[in-house]
Protein backbone atom coordinates (compact mmCIF):
# COMPACT_ATOMS: atom_id res chain seq x y z
CA UNK A 1 -0.11 -0.17 -0.02
CA UNK A 2 1.06 3.62 -0.58
CA UNK A 3 2.62 5.82 2.14
CA UNK A 4 0.81 9.21 1.72
CA UNK A 5 2.91 11.98 0.30
CA UNK A 6 4.66 14.19 2.57
CA UNK A 7 2.51 16.87 4.03
CA UNK A 8 4.18 20.28 3.14
CA UNK A 9 1.29 22.45 3.66
CA UNK A 10 -1.26 23.06 6.12
CA UNK A 11 -4.83 21.63 5.47
CA UNK A 12 -6.30 23.70 3.04
CA UNK A 13 -10.30 24.59 3.47
CA UNK A 14 -12.24 22.31 0.95
CA UNK A 15 -13.50 24.14 -2.24
CA UNK A 16 -16.76 22.31 -4.00
CA UNK A 17 -15.76 20.14 -6.98
CA UNK A 18 -18.23 22.53 -8.95
CA UNK A 19 -16.28 25.40 -8.48
CA UNK A 20 -12.95 23.82 -9.24
CA UNK A 21 -14.31 22.59 -12.52
CA UNK A 22 -15.91 25.74 -13.23
CA UNK A 23 -12.34 27.44 -12.66
CA UNK A 24 -10.60 24.81 -14.95
CA UNK A 25 -13.18 25.47 -17.44
CA UNK A 26 -12.60 29.23 -17.15
CA UNK A 27 -8.88 28.55 -17.50
CA UNK A 28 -9.38 26.76 -20.84
CA UNK A 29 -11.52 29.77 -21.93
CA UNK A 30 -8.57 32.09 -21.23
CA UNK A 31 -6.40 29.82 -23.25
CA UNK A 32 -8.61 30.34 -26.42
CA UNK A 33 -8.75 33.82 -25.77
CA UNK A 34 -5.12 34.08 -25.79
CA UNK A 35 -4.54 32.01 -28.61
CA UNK A 36 -7.19 33.74 -30.62
CA UNK A 37 -5.18 36.22 -32.71
CA UNK A 38 -3.25 33.23 -34.24
CA UNK A 39 -6.16 30.94 -35.03
CA UNK A 40 -6.33 32.43 -38.40
CA UNK A 41 -2.55 31.70 -39.78
CA UNK A 42 -2.03 29.31 -42.74
CA UNK A 43 -0.07 26.39 -42.43
CA UNK A 44 3.56 27.28 -43.06
CA UNK A 45 7.35 25.90 -42.86
CA UNK A 46 7.10 22.25 -41.26
CA UNK A 47 3.43 21.84 -42.11
CA UNK A 48 4.51 22.41 -45.83
CA UNK A 49 7.01 20.00 -45.48
CA UNK A 50 5.01 17.32 -43.85
CA UNK A 51 2.31 17.82 -46.76
CA UNK A 52 4.95 17.35 -49.47
CA UNK A 53 6.15 14.21 -47.47
CA UNK A 54 2.98 12.41 -47.14
CA UNK A 55 1.71 13.16 -50.87
CA UNK A 56 4.32 10.35 -51.66
CA UNK A 57 2.44 7.91 -49.75
CA UNK A 58 0.64 5.04 -51.70
CA UNK A 59 -1.56 4.21 -48.68
CA UNK A 60 -2.20 4.28 -44.98
CA UNK A 61 0.31 1.66 -44.38
CA UNK A 62 3.20 4.15 -45.22
CA UNK A 63 1.81 6.43 -42.25
CA UNK A 64 3.59 3.64 -39.87
CA UNK A 65 6.94 5.11 -41.34
CA UNK A 66 9.16 8.11 -40.65
CA UNK A 67 8.08 11.82 -41.09
CA UNK A 68 9.69 14.42 -43.44
CA UNK A 69 12.26 14.86 -40.92
CA UNK A 70 13.37 10.88 -40.66
CA UNK A 71 11.60 10.84 -36.91
CA UNK A 72 9.10 7.67 -36.16
CA UNK A 73 6.01 9.92 -35.37
CA UNK A 74 2.96 8.08 -37.20
CA UNK A 75 0.43 10.09 -35.50
CA UNK A 76 1.76 13.31 -37.43
CA UNK A 77 1.93 11.03 -40.50
CA UNK A 78 -1.76 10.15 -40.11
CA UNK A 79 -3.04 13.49 -39.64
CA UNK A 80 -1.34 15.00 -42.65
CA UNK A 81 -2.16 12.11 -44.73
CA UNK A 82 -5.77 12.81 -43.82
CA UNK A 83 -5.35 16.27 -45.05
CA UNK A 84 -3.82 15.01 -48.04
CA UNK A 85 -6.47 12.42 -48.87
CA UNK A 86 -9.61 14.61 -47.73
CA UNK A 87 -8.54 18.23 -48.19
CA UNK A 88 -7.04 20.84 -45.56
CA UNK A 89 -9.61 22.50 -43.42
CA UNK A 90 -10.30 26.35 -43.17
CA UNK A 91 -7.71 27.99 -40.90
CA UNK A 92 -9.92 28.11 -37.78
CA UNK A 93 -10.57 24.27 -38.16
CA UNK A 94 -6.94 23.69 -38.92
CA UNK A 95 -5.97 25.06 -35.63
CA UNK A 96 -8.67 23.13 -33.73
CA UNK A 97 -6.88 20.06 -33.68
CA UNK A 98 -3.68 21.41 -31.63
CA UNK A 99 -5.58 23.80 -29.63
CA UNK A 100 -8.23 21.01 -28.69
CA UNK A 101 -5.37 18.73 -27.75
CA UNK A 102 -3.64 21.59 -25.72
CA UNK A 103 -7.04 21.93 -23.91
CA UNK A 104 -7.17 18.24 -23.33
CA UNK A 105 -3.60 18.49 -22.10
CA UNK A 106 -4.58 21.29 -19.50
CA UNK A 107 -6.88 18.71 -18.13
CA UNK A 108 -4.51 15.88 -17.88
CA UNK A 109 -2.05 18.19 -16.14
CA UNK A 110 -4.72 19.08 -13.60
CA UNK A 111 -5.63 15.55 -13.00
CA UNK A 112 -2.20 14.50 -12.24
CA UNK A 113 -1.48 17.52 -10.11
CA UNK A 114 -4.84 16.93 -8.30
CA UNK A 115 -3.82 13.28 -7.44
CA UNK A 116 -0.20 14.50 -6.43
CA UNK A 117 -0.91 17.18 -4.18
CA UNK A 118 -4.34 15.63 -3.02
CA UNK A 119 -5.95 19.05 -3.53
CA UNK A 120 -8.16 19.98 -6.61
CA UNK A 121 -7.52 23.44 -5.68
CA UNK A 122 -3.96 23.29 -6.18
CA UNK A 123 -4.12 20.96 -8.92
CA UNK A 124 -6.00 23.76 -10.77
CA UNK A 125 -3.31 26.11 -9.76
CA UNK A 126 -0.52 23.99 -11.28
CA UNK A 127 -2.79 23.36 -14.30
CA UNK A 128 -3.02 27.08 -14.85
CA UNK A 129 0.84 27.98 -14.20
CA UNK A 130 1.38 25.28 -16.94
CA UNK A 131 -1.21 26.37 -19.52
CA UNK A 132 -0.69 29.92 -19.46
CA UNK A 133 3.01 30.04 -19.99
CA UNK A 134 3.77 32.16 -23.01
CA UNK A 135 6.66 29.97 -24.00
CA UNK A 136 3.80 27.12 -25.29
CA UNK A 137 2.37 29.56 -27.68
CA UNK A 138 3.89 27.72 -30.45
CA UNK A 139 2.32 24.34 -29.44
CA UNK A 140 -1.06 25.60 -29.41
CA UNK A 141 -0.94 27.09 -32.55
CA UNK A 142 1.38 25.31 -34.98
CA UNK A 143 -0.14 22.18 -36.40
CA UNK A 144 3.42 20.57 -36.44
CA UNK A 145 3.56 20.60 -32.67
CA UNK A 146 0.00 18.96 -31.94
CA UNK A 147 1.81 15.87 -31.11
CA UNK A 148 3.53 17.18 -28.27
CA UNK A 149 0.18 18.15 -26.40
CA UNK A 150 -0.88 14.58 -27.10
CA UNK A 151 2.26 13.29 -25.63
CA UNK A 152 1.52 15.59 -22.38
CA UNK A 153 -1.99 14.14 -22.40
CA UNK A 154 -0.57 10.50 -22.73
CA UNK A 155 2.27 11.22 -20.45
CA UNK A 156 0.22 12.29 -17.49
CA UNK A 157 -2.43 9.54 -17.94
CA UNK A 158 0.32 6.95 -17.81
CA UNK A 159 1.94 8.29 -14.74
CA UNK A 160 -1.50 8.27 -13.01
CA UNK A 161 -2.22 4.79 -14.23
CA UNK A 162 1.14 3.75 -12.76
CA UNK A 163 0.53 5.32 -9.55
CA UNK A 164 -2.83 3.92 -9.07
CA UNK A 165 -1.45 0.52 -9.69
CA UNK A 166 -0.15 0.43 -6.32
CA UNK A 167 -3.80 0.91 -5.02
CA UNK A 168 -4.85 -2.45 -6.06
CA UNK A 169 -3.77 -5.69 -5.00
CA UNK A 170 -4.05 -6.99 -8.69
CA UNK A 171 -2.31 -4.03 -10.39
CA UNK A 172 -1.90 -6.56 -13.67
CA UNK A 173 -5.63 -6.74 -14.09
CA UNK A 174 -6.32 -3.32 -15.70
CA UNK A 175 -4.20 -0.56 -14.22
CA UNK A 176 -0.70 -1.57 -14.98
CA UNK A 177 -1.42 -3.13 -18.64
CA UNK A 178 -3.23 0.05 -19.75
CA UNK A 179 -0.27 2.10 -18.31
CA UNK A 180 2.06 0.22 -20.37
CA UNK A 181 -0.22 0.64 -23.61
CA UNK A 182 -0.67 4.45 -22.82
CA UNK A 183 3.30 4.45 -22.33
CA UNK A 184 4.04 3.16 -25.72
CA UNK A 185 1.47 5.48 -27.41
CA UNK A 186 2.89 8.22 -25.78
CA UNK A 187 6.45 7.25 -26.96
CA UNK A 188 5.53 6.93 -30.87
CA UNK A 189 3.90 10.37 -30.25
CA UNK A 190 7.04 12.27 -28.95
CA UNK A 191 10.11 11.23 -28.22
CA UNK A 192 10.23 13.02 -24.82
CA UNK A 193 7.83 10.32 -23.27
CA UNK A 194 11.22 8.34 -23.03
CA UNK A 195 10.86 10.24 -19.37
CA UNK A 196 8.05 7.96 -18.39
CA UNK A 197 9.75 5.14 -16.99
CA UNK A 198 12.31 7.45 -14.75
CA UNK A 199 9.40 9.86 -13.68
CA UNK A 200 7.62 6.66 -12.44
CA UNK A 201 10.63 5.77 -10.37
CA UNK A 202 10.45 9.38 -8.92
CA UNK A 203 6.58 8.72 -8.21
CA UNK A 204 7.71 5.57 -6.16
CA UNK A 205 10.27 7.92 -4.17
CA UNK A 206 7.51 10.48 -3.79
CA UNK A 207 5.36 7.93 -2.30
CA UNK A 208 7.97 6.66 0.05
CA UNK A 209 7.72 3.10 -1.60
CA UNK A 210 10.46 0.45 -1.76
CA UNK A 211 12.40 1.14 -4.81
CA UNK A 212 13.90 -2.20 -4.64
CA UNK A 213 11.25 -4.08 -3.98
CA UNK A 214 9.95 -6.84 -6.20
CA UNK A 215 6.60 -5.17 -6.85
CA UNK A 216 8.75 -1.99 -7.92
CA UNK A 217 11.33 -3.82 -9.99
CA UNK A 218 8.80 -5.88 -11.85
CA UNK A 219 7.17 -2.62 -12.80
CA UNK A 220 10.22 -1.03 -13.82
CA UNK A 221 11.26 -3.98 -15.99
CA UNK A 222 7.95 -3.80 -17.82
CA UNK A 223 8.18 -0.02 -18.49
CA UNK A 224 11.66 -0.62 -19.73
CA UNK A 225 10.68 -3.50 -21.96
CA UNK A 226 7.88 -1.18 -23.58
CA UNK A 227 10.78 1.72 -23.84
CA UNK A 228 13.09 -1.11 -25.45
CA UNK A 229 10.36 -2.20 -28.10
CA UNK A 230 9.75 1.54 -29.04
CA UNK A 231 13.51 1.97 -29.81
CA UNK A 232 13.60 -1.14 -31.66
CA UNK A 233 10.81 -0.28 -33.64
CA UNK A 234 12.11 3.09 -34.16
CA UNK A 235 15.39 1.89 -35.72
CA UNK A 236 13.52 -0.82 -37.62
CA UNK A 237 11.70 1.89 -39.59
CA UNK A 238 14.57 3.97 -40.25
CA UNK A 239 13.97 6.70 -37.54
CA UNK A 240 16.96 8.93 -36.75
CA UNK A 241 19.06 7.21 -33.77
CA UNK A 242 22.59 9.05 -34.06
CA UNK A 243 24.63 12.17 -33.77
CA UNK A 244 25.31 12.27 -37.47
CA UNK A 245 21.71 13.46 -38.11
CA UNK A 246 21.98 16.48 -40.58
CA UNK A 247 20.77 19.24 -38.25
CA UNK A 248 21.50 22.47 -39.87
CA UNK A 249 20.78 24.58 -36.79
CA UNK A 250 24.49 23.28 -35.82
CA UNK A 251 27.75 23.71 -37.56
CA UNK A 252 28.30 20.24 -39.37
CA UNK A 253 32.00 20.50 -38.35
CA UNK A 254 31.36 21.25 -34.22
CA UNK A 255 32.88 18.47 -32.35
CA UNK A 256 30.32 16.48 -30.17
CA UNK A 257 31.94 17.20 -26.80
CA UNK A 258 31.21 20.95 -27.56
CA UNK A 259 27.76 20.09 -28.04
CA UNK A 260 28.10 18.23 -24.45
CA UNK A 261 29.90 21.07 -22.83
CA UNK A 262 26.97 23.20 -24.10
CA UNK A 263 24.30 21.20 -22.79
CA UNK A 264 23.59 22.86 -19.51
CA UNK A 265 23.39 25.87 -21.15
CA UNK A 266 20.52 25.01 -23.56
CA UNK A 267 18.72 23.47 -20.63
CA UNK A 268 19.24 26.77 -18.86
CA UNK A 269 17.86 28.56 -21.57
CA UNK A 270 14.89 26.28 -21.53
CA UNK A 271 14.49 26.43 -17.77
CA UNK A 272 14.71 30.26 -17.88
CA UNK A 273 12.23 30.68 -20.90
CA UNK A 274 9.42 29.50 -18.51
CA UNK A 275 10.17 32.00 -15.75
CA UNK A 276 11.51 34.58 -17.86
CA UNK A 277 9.60 34.85 -21.17
CA UNK A 278 10.01 38.56 -21.66
CA UNK A 279 11.51 39.60 -24.99
CA UNK A 280 12.26 35.83 -25.73
CA UNK A 281 10.98 34.08 -28.93
CA UNK A 282 12.78 30.87 -29.38
CA UNK A 283 11.63 29.64 -32.54
CA UNK A 284 13.62 27.31 -34.66
CA UNK A 285 16.69 28.16 -33.13
CA UNK A 286 20.44 28.07 -33.88
CA UNK A 287 23.51 27.12 -31.50
CA UNK A 288 27.14 28.33 -32.66
CA UNK A 289 30.04 27.48 -30.50
CA UNK A 290 31.67 30.80 -29.42
CA UNK A 291 28.93 32.98 -30.67
CA UNK A 292 25.50 32.07 -29.43
CA UNK A 293 27.10 31.45 -25.82
CA UNK A 294 30.32 33.06 -24.23
CA UNK A 295 32.51 30.80 -22.12
CA UNK A 296 31.37 32.79 -18.98
CA UNK A 297 28.00 32.05 -20.20
CA UNK A 298 28.66 28.22 -20.42
CA UNK A 299 30.40 28.12 -16.79
CA UNK A 300 27.52 29.93 -15.40
CA UNK A 301 25.24 27.18 -16.94
CA UNK A 302 27.57 24.39 -15.19
CA UNK A 303 26.93 26.33 -11.99
CA UNK A 304 23.00 26.42 -12.77
CA UNK A 305 23.06 22.55 -13.30
CA UNK A 306 24.59 21.98 -9.90
CA UNK A 307 22.45 24.43 -8.05
CA UNK A 308 19.55 22.59 -9.57
CA UNK A 309 21.00 19.19 -8.42
CA UNK A 310 21.60 20.69 -5.07
CA UNK A 311 18.03 22.02 -4.88
CA UNK A 312 16.62 18.50 -5.63
CA UNK A 313 18.76 16.94 -2.89
CA UNK A 314 18.16 19.41 -0.20
CA UNK A 315 14.26 19.39 -0.96
CA UNK A 316 14.21 15.60 -1.39
CA UNK A 317 13.02 15.11 2.16
CA UNK A 318 11.72 18.32 3.38
CA UNK A 319 9.76 19.05 0.04
CA UNK A 320 9.28 16.07 -1.73
CA UNK A 321 7.10 17.55 -4.39
CA UNK A 322 9.41 20.26 -5.21
CA UNK A 323 12.01 17.76 -5.65
CA UNK A 324 9.99 15.63 -7.47
CA UNK A 325 9.20 18.44 -9.85
CA UNK A 326 12.77 19.30 -10.54
CA UNK A 327 13.43 15.65 -11.31
CA UNK A 328 10.57 15.53 -13.90
CA UNK A 329 11.97 18.66 -15.63
CA UNK A 330 15.50 17.24 -15.91
CA UNK A 331 14.37 13.75 -16.82
CA UNK A 332 11.83 15.33 -19.49
CA UNK A 333 14.69 17.83 -20.84
CA UNK A 334 17.22 15.03 -21.23
CA UNK A 335 16.12 13.68 -24.42
CA UNK A 336 16.77 16.98 -26.09
CA UNK A 337 19.55 18.38 -23.69
CA UNK A 338 22.34 16.97 -25.77
CA UNK A 339 24.31 15.80 -22.78
CA UNK A 340 24.32 13.01 -25.14
CA UNK A 341 25.17 14.75 -28.20
CA UNK A 342 22.20 13.67 -30.45
CA UNK A 343 22.21 16.91 -32.34
CA UNK A 344 18.56 17.71 -30.93
CA UNK A 345 17.39 21.42 -31.12
CA UNK A 346 19.13 23.30 -30.01
CA UNK A 347 16.75 25.85 -28.31
CA UNK A 348 13.14 25.45 -28.92
CA UNK A 349 10.10 26.95 -27.01
CA UNK A 350 8.23 23.78 -27.55
CA UNK A 351 10.87 21.74 -25.83
CA UNK A 352 9.73 23.20 -22.47
CA UNK A 353 6.31 21.98 -23.03
CA UNK A 354 6.55 18.59 -21.09
CA UNK A 355 9.19 19.80 -18.83
CA UNK A 356 7.35 22.33 -17.88
CA UNK A 357 4.94 20.11 -16.24
CA UNK A 358 7.74 19.45 -13.62
CA UNK A 359 8.10 23.03 -13.18
CA UNK A 360 4.42 23.79 -12.43
CA UNK A 361 4.48 21.29 -9.90
CA UNK A 362 7.70 22.21 -8.30
CA UNK A 363 6.46 26.06 -8.10
CA UNK A 364 3.17 24.56 -6.70
CA UNK A 365 5.07 22.84 -4.05
CA UNK A 366 6.88 25.92 -3.07
CA UNK A 367 3.81 28.09 -2.93
CA UNK A 368 2.09 25.49 -0.58
CA UNK A 369 5.13 25.34 1.68
CA UNK A 370 5.57 29.23 1.66
CA UNK A 371 1.88 29.78 2.49
CA UNK A 372 1.78 26.94 5.49
CA UNK A 373 5.10 28.83 6.87
CA UNK A 374 3.37 32.18 6.74
CA UNK A 375 0.41 30.67 8.42
CA UNK A 376 2.59 29.41 11.45
CA UNK A 377 2.88 31.56 14.49
CA UNK A 378 6.53 30.69 15.46
CA UNK A 379 9.26 32.65 16.85
CA UNK A 380 11.07 35.68 15.46
CA UNK A 381 13.96 33.72 14.63
CA UNK A 382 11.82 32.21 11.73
CA UNK A 383 10.60 35.41 10.68
CA UNK A 384 13.41 36.05 8.13
CA UNK A 385 12.73 32.65 6.65
CA UNK A 386 9.08 33.27 6.43
CA UNK A 387 9.97 36.73 4.89
CA UNK A 388 12.30 35.12 2.05
CA UNK A 389 10.00 32.45 1.35
CA UNK A 390 7.03 34.59 0.80
CA UNK A 391 9.17 36.68 -1.37
CA UNK A 392 10.23 33.93 -3.47
CA UNK A 393 6.65 32.87 -3.78
CA UNK A 394 5.46 36.21 -4.97
CA UNK A 395 8.15 36.64 -7.06
CA UNK A 396 7.47 33.64 -9.05
CA UNK A 397 3.70 34.21 -8.99
CA UNK A 398 4.37 37.73 -10.46
CA UNK A 399 6.51 36.42 -13.11
CA UNK A 400 4.16 33.91 -14.36
CA UNK A 401 1.12 36.58 -13.94
CA UNK A 402 3.46 39.25 -16.10
CA UNK A 403 4.04 36.65 -18.74
CA UNK A 404 0.42 35.88 -19.51
CA UNK A 405 -0.07 38.82 -21.86
CA UNK A 406 3.07 37.82 -23.90
CA UNK A 407 0.90 34.62 -24.83
CA UNK A 408 -1.73 36.82 -26.77
CA UNK A 409 1.47 38.94 -28.26
CA UNK A 410 3.17 36.20 -29.42
CA UNK A 411 -0.05 34.65 -31.09
CA UNK A 412 -0.43 38.03 -33.01
CA UNK A 413 3.02 37.42 -34.53
CA UNK A 414 1.61 34.00 -36.43
CA UNK A 415 -0.68 36.36 -38.40
CA UNK A 416 2.74 38.04 -39.85
CA UNK A 417 5.69 35.74 -40.26
CA UNK A 418 8.22 38.13 -40.67
CA UNK A 419 7.55 39.97 -37.38
CA UNK A 420 7.84 36.53 -36.09
CA UNK A 421 11.11 35.64 -37.53
CA UNK A 422 12.61 39.12 -36.93
CA UNK A 423 11.71 38.83 -33.27
CA UNK A 424 13.47 35.45 -33.22
CA UNK A 425 16.50 36.58 -35.14
CA UNK A 426 17.47 39.29 -32.73
CA UNK A 427 16.55 37.54 -29.54
CA UNK A 428 20.19 36.23 -29.23
CA UNK A 429 23.25 36.24 -31.05
CA UNK A 430 24.03 33.88 -34.11
CA UNK A 431 20.23 33.15 -35.04
CA UNK A 432 21.14 32.60 -38.97
CA UNK A 433 18.16 30.39 -39.45
CA UNK A 434 15.55 33.38 -38.22
CA UNK A 435 17.44 35.69 -40.73
CA UNK A 436 17.27 33.20 -43.59
CA UNK A 437 13.43 32.83 -42.47
CA UNK A 438 13.10 36.71 -42.61
CA UNK A 439 14.83 36.98 -45.87
CA UNK A 440 12.63 34.09 -47.46
CA UNK A 441 9.58 36.13 -46.48
CA UNK A 442 11.23 39.28 -47.66
CA UNK A 443 11.86 37.61 -51.14
CA UNK A 444 8.13 36.55 -51.15
CA UNK A 445 7.14 40.33 -50.63
CA UNK A 446 9.52 41.62 -53.51
CA UNK A 447 12.06 43.43 -50.98
CA UNK A 448 15.04 41.83 -52.43
CA UNK A 449 17.61 44.49 -50.87
CA UNK A 450 16.68 43.97 -47.38
CA UNK A 451 16.53 40.17 -48.23
CA UNK A 452 19.82 40.06 -49.63
CA UNK A 453 21.39 42.15 -46.36
CA UNK A 454 19.81 39.34 -44.05
CA UNK A 455 21.15 36.53 -46.25
CA UNK A 456 24.70 37.96 -45.83
CA UNK A 457 24.14 38.05 -42.11
CA UNK A 458 23.08 34.54 -42.27
CA UNK A 459 25.75 33.25 -44.02
CA UNK A 460 28.58 35.06 -41.52
CA UNK A 461 27.45 33.32 -38.86
CA UNK A 462 26.42 29.93 -40.54
CA UNK A 463 28.32 29.46 -43.67
CA UNK A 464 27.21 25.77 -43.92
CA UNK A 465 23.29 26.74 -44.02
CA UNK A 466 23.10 26.30 -47.50
CA UNK A 467 19.23 27.56 -47.82
CA UNK A 468 21.20 30.82 -48.08
CA UNK A 469 22.68 29.99 -51.40
CA UNK A 470 19.36 29.00 -52.42
CA UNK A 471 17.79 32.35 -51.46
CA UNK A 472 20.88 34.15 -53.18
CA UNK A 473 20.07 32.15 -56.25
CA UNK A 474 16.62 33.57 -56.10
CA UNK A 475 17.75 36.96 -55.82
CA UNK A 476 20.09 36.79 -58.57
CA UNK A 477 17.48 35.31 -61.16
CA UNK A 478 15.31 38.64 -60.23
CA UNK A 479 18.42 40.70 -61.21
CA UNK A 480 18.69 38.66 -64.33
CA UNK A 481 22.07 37.11 -63.46
CA UNK A 482 21.08 33.69 -64.60
CA UNK A 483 24.87 32.41 -64.62
CA UNK A 484 25.43 32.92 -60.65
CA UNK A 485 21.77 31.94 -59.75
CA UNK A 486 22.82 28.63 -61.41
CA UNK A 487 26.04 28.20 -59.33
CA UNK A 488 24.11 29.38 -55.96
CA UNK A 489 21.75 26.77 -56.75
CA UNK A 490 24.34 23.99 -57.13
CA UNK A 491 25.58 24.98 -53.89
CA UNK A 492 22.26 24.54 -52.40
CA UNK A 493 21.75 21.19 -53.10
CA UNK A 494 22.24 19.63 -50.12
CA UNK A 495 18.77 21.00 -49.03
CA UNK A 496 17.24 19.74 -52.26
CA UNK A 497 18.58 16.02 -51.12
CA UNK A 498 16.76 16.77 -47.69
CA UNK A 499 13.50 18.16 -48.54
CA UNK A 500 11.12 17.42 -51.21
CA UNK A 501 10.04 21.43 -50.93
CA UNK A 502 13.22 22.61 -51.59
CA UNK A 503 14.27 20.13 -54.16
CA UNK A 504 11.29 20.86 -56.28
CA UNK A 505 11.80 24.75 -56.05
CA UNK A 506 15.47 24.32 -57.07
CA UNK A 507 13.89 22.28 -59.98
CA UNK A 508 11.62 24.86 -61.14
CA UNK A 509 14.25 27.56 -60.89
CA UNK A 510 16.54 25.59 -63.22
CA UNK A 511 13.96 25.17 -65.62
CA UNK A 512 13.28 29.07 -65.39
CA UNK A 513 17.32 29.70 -66.42
CA UNK A 514 16.64 27.35 -69.33
CA UNK A 515 13.86 29.34 -70.32
CA UNK A 516 15.58 32.70 -69.96
CA UNK A 517 18.56 30.86 -72.04
CA UNK A 518 15.99 29.88 -74.67
CA UNK A 519 16.57 25.91 -73.76
CA UNK A 520 12.82 25.43 -74.21
CA UNK A 521 12.90 21.36 -74.71
CA UNK A 522 15.23 21.03 -71.63
CA UNK A 523 13.02 23.44 -69.48
CA UNK A 524 9.88 21.36 -70.47
CA UNK A 525 11.64 18.11 -69.44
CA UNK A 526 12.62 19.52 -66.02
CA UNK A 527 9.00 20.40 -65.72
CA UNK A 528 7.40 17.11 -66.50
CA UNK A 529 8.09 15.49 -63.16
CA UNK A 530 6.30 18.52 -61.15
CA UNK A 531 3.40 18.72 -63.89
CA UNK A 532 2.61 15.13 -63.07
CA UNK A 533 1.99 16.03 -59.35
CA UNK A 534 -1.01 18.36 -58.90
CA UNK A 535 -1.11 18.29 -55.34
CA UNK A 536 2.42 19.90 -54.86
CA UNK A 537 3.49 23.36 -53.88
CA UNK A 538 5.07 23.96 -57.50
CA UNK A 539 2.59 22.42 -60.03
CA UNK A 540 0.66 25.70 -60.53
CA UNK A 541 3.88 27.62 -60.96
CA UNK A 542 5.22 24.79 -63.37
CA UNK A 543 1.90 25.21 -65.53
CA UNK A 544 2.33 28.76 -66.00
CA UNK A 545 5.95 28.26 -67.05
CA UNK A 546 5.02 25.61 -69.43
CA UNK A 547 2.53 28.13 -70.90
CA UNK A 548 5.13 30.62 -71.11
CA UNK A 549 7.27 28.22 -73.17
CA UNK A 550 4.67 27.40 -75.71
CA UNK A 551 4.07 31.17 -76.11
CA UNK A 552 7.74 32.12 -76.64
CA UNK A 553 7.63 28.95 -79.21
CA UNK A 554 4.70 30.68 -80.84
CA UNK A 555 2.06 28.09 -79.93
CA UNK A 556 -0.66 30.15 -78.50
CA UNK A 557 -3.28 27.65 -78.57
CA UNK A 558 -1.10 25.12 -76.23
CA UNK A 559 -0.40 27.88 -74.28
CA UNK A 560 -3.97 28.46 -73.90
CA UNK A 561 -5.08 25.11 -73.09
CA UNK A 562 -2.40 24.48 -70.59
CA UNK A 563 -3.66 27.52 -68.47
CA UNK A 564 -7.24 26.02 -69.07
CA UNK A 565 -6.08 23.00 -67.38
CA UNK A 566 -4.23 24.81 -64.81
CA UNK A 567 -7.60 26.52 -63.88
CA UNK A 568 -9.33 23.35 -63.64
CA UNK A 569 -7.14 21.99 -61.25
CA UNK A 570 -6.34 25.18 -59.36
CA UNK A 571 -9.81 26.68 -59.11
CA UNK A 572 -8.41 29.31 -56.47
CA UNK A 573 -6.15 30.65 -59.09
CA UNK A 574 -8.49 31.43 -61.60
CA UNK A 575 -8.16 35.05 -61.43
CA UNK A 576 -4.52 35.00 -61.84
CA UNK A 577 -4.75 32.85 -64.84
CA UNK A 578 -7.39 35.12 -66.48
CA UNK A 579 -5.02 38.17 -66.50
CA UNK A 580 -1.94 35.92 -67.80
CA UNK A 581 -4.67 34.44 -70.42
CA UNK A 582 -5.39 38.28 -71.65
CA UNK A 583 -1.68 38.73 -72.32
CA UNK A 584 0.98 35.83 -72.29
CA UNK A 585 4.15 37.12 -71.07
CA UNK A 586 7.24 35.33 -69.18
CA UNK A 587 6.12 34.54 -65.86
CA UNK A 588 8.08 33.03 -63.07
CA UNK A 589 6.75 31.31 -59.62
CA UNK A 590 7.03 32.79 -56.40
CA UNK A 591 9.48 31.61 -53.65
CA UNK A 592 8.06 29.16 -51.38
CA UNK A 593 5.10 30.50 -49.35
CA UNK A 594 4.84 30.08 -45.72
């Protein structure tokens, strides 16, 4: 049987459950209100890459393979393949899936916290601390992150079921098998769910159970077997598993020991993002040794890690829930921390979502203890401790309340990708990927001068980031320098090899160069593979280019027929095609849209 958790607070007055559930509903309404400005934003970046990836699937069976980044995430494949088969919904309906799952995660965090604190009111407080964190805006709004919210739901359910399995004399009848099934589903949803097994050990420590007893070890072996089964399946389907994974956010030549040395700083950035979100937008970030963080920053981060470990050790007996929350944060951060240099990350706001559950629990434990100490009537020798605890608790509450408006602010940025990218680009040094994204958006808007300046900045910090050469090729085409453009596209070939979208974009740009050089037959041959896939992003531009080729060759009838077919396949482009029909002239496709 369980030993009750350490009582680190005074008994609270009971609040009727109906008020607690009304509070939970109000919390969800606040989340929807804060996210509302971004619910009209269209799919972009990873969404388009996933859409291009699943368009190659021949059937539902292929969704059990890897996603466009070589990761084993079948839930993601199923969702994007569903959009491919049945049509992409309107922006509001599109966002209903990640938003709905996030609200489900809020309920799951509440259920877990209520069980661990034995208080519905404190459970609601933990859910609010977690749900209103500004760093989670990306997870609420970006379809590419819906699986993270799903993993939070499944992780919380798995931990609750594990804890409940100790309440029954026959845990193998329902609760423990259900825990193992949910754990496996969590693992195939998101790799951070690898924390489930060690978190369950931490739950046993919190409950003062005998960790080395036969019942406990049996459970650990079962959880370990599920974890190993997931890893074997991941390798079997070809999922990325090694440090040679091509993550362009890092210098490919950076020694792995530098990545491991930097790991505490990456963890510190994630930890501090949760408490201090002000002026912070970490979205598709980058890391450059010697630029992103100084040696003093790295030394300070190792000090933070030691302090975090010391806090965990000191509070292990006096404040076990706080200690448990710290353990959750560390264990959930470890898969993406790069202590084992897997080239994950490096710093992403959505990496804090699962670890943030632990931080919310830790803060609730601290607040309960502070309120309990403040309510006692001890001598003046304890007064300074009471004051210090109260100040710490108040500072944390103020920080979290102050960060709530940033949720709304970041949601508004999703309607203007350029603002989102620029906020991220200058959040800290060496954000070359964000400058590249901003340059892409500027090219799309026709501001080639500013785009060129941003590409030059991006190249200065990340010369290996070959998308920069793709953008330079695009700018060269706009200025009529086709020879330089061809050279730049050759240098960006690595991105074409790793991304269907970039590969097709370079493909159509090479065809445009051939058209400009008068090599119409060669250009038409390059366009044919794109023309065979009407569901792809570059199909419509390819039809315009083919019509232009026929026009240049004097075959106006074929040009007209090509445009009519394009209008039938792309009814949303009828107005644009009608203008081209009025006066056929050399046309070019737009840069990849967001």
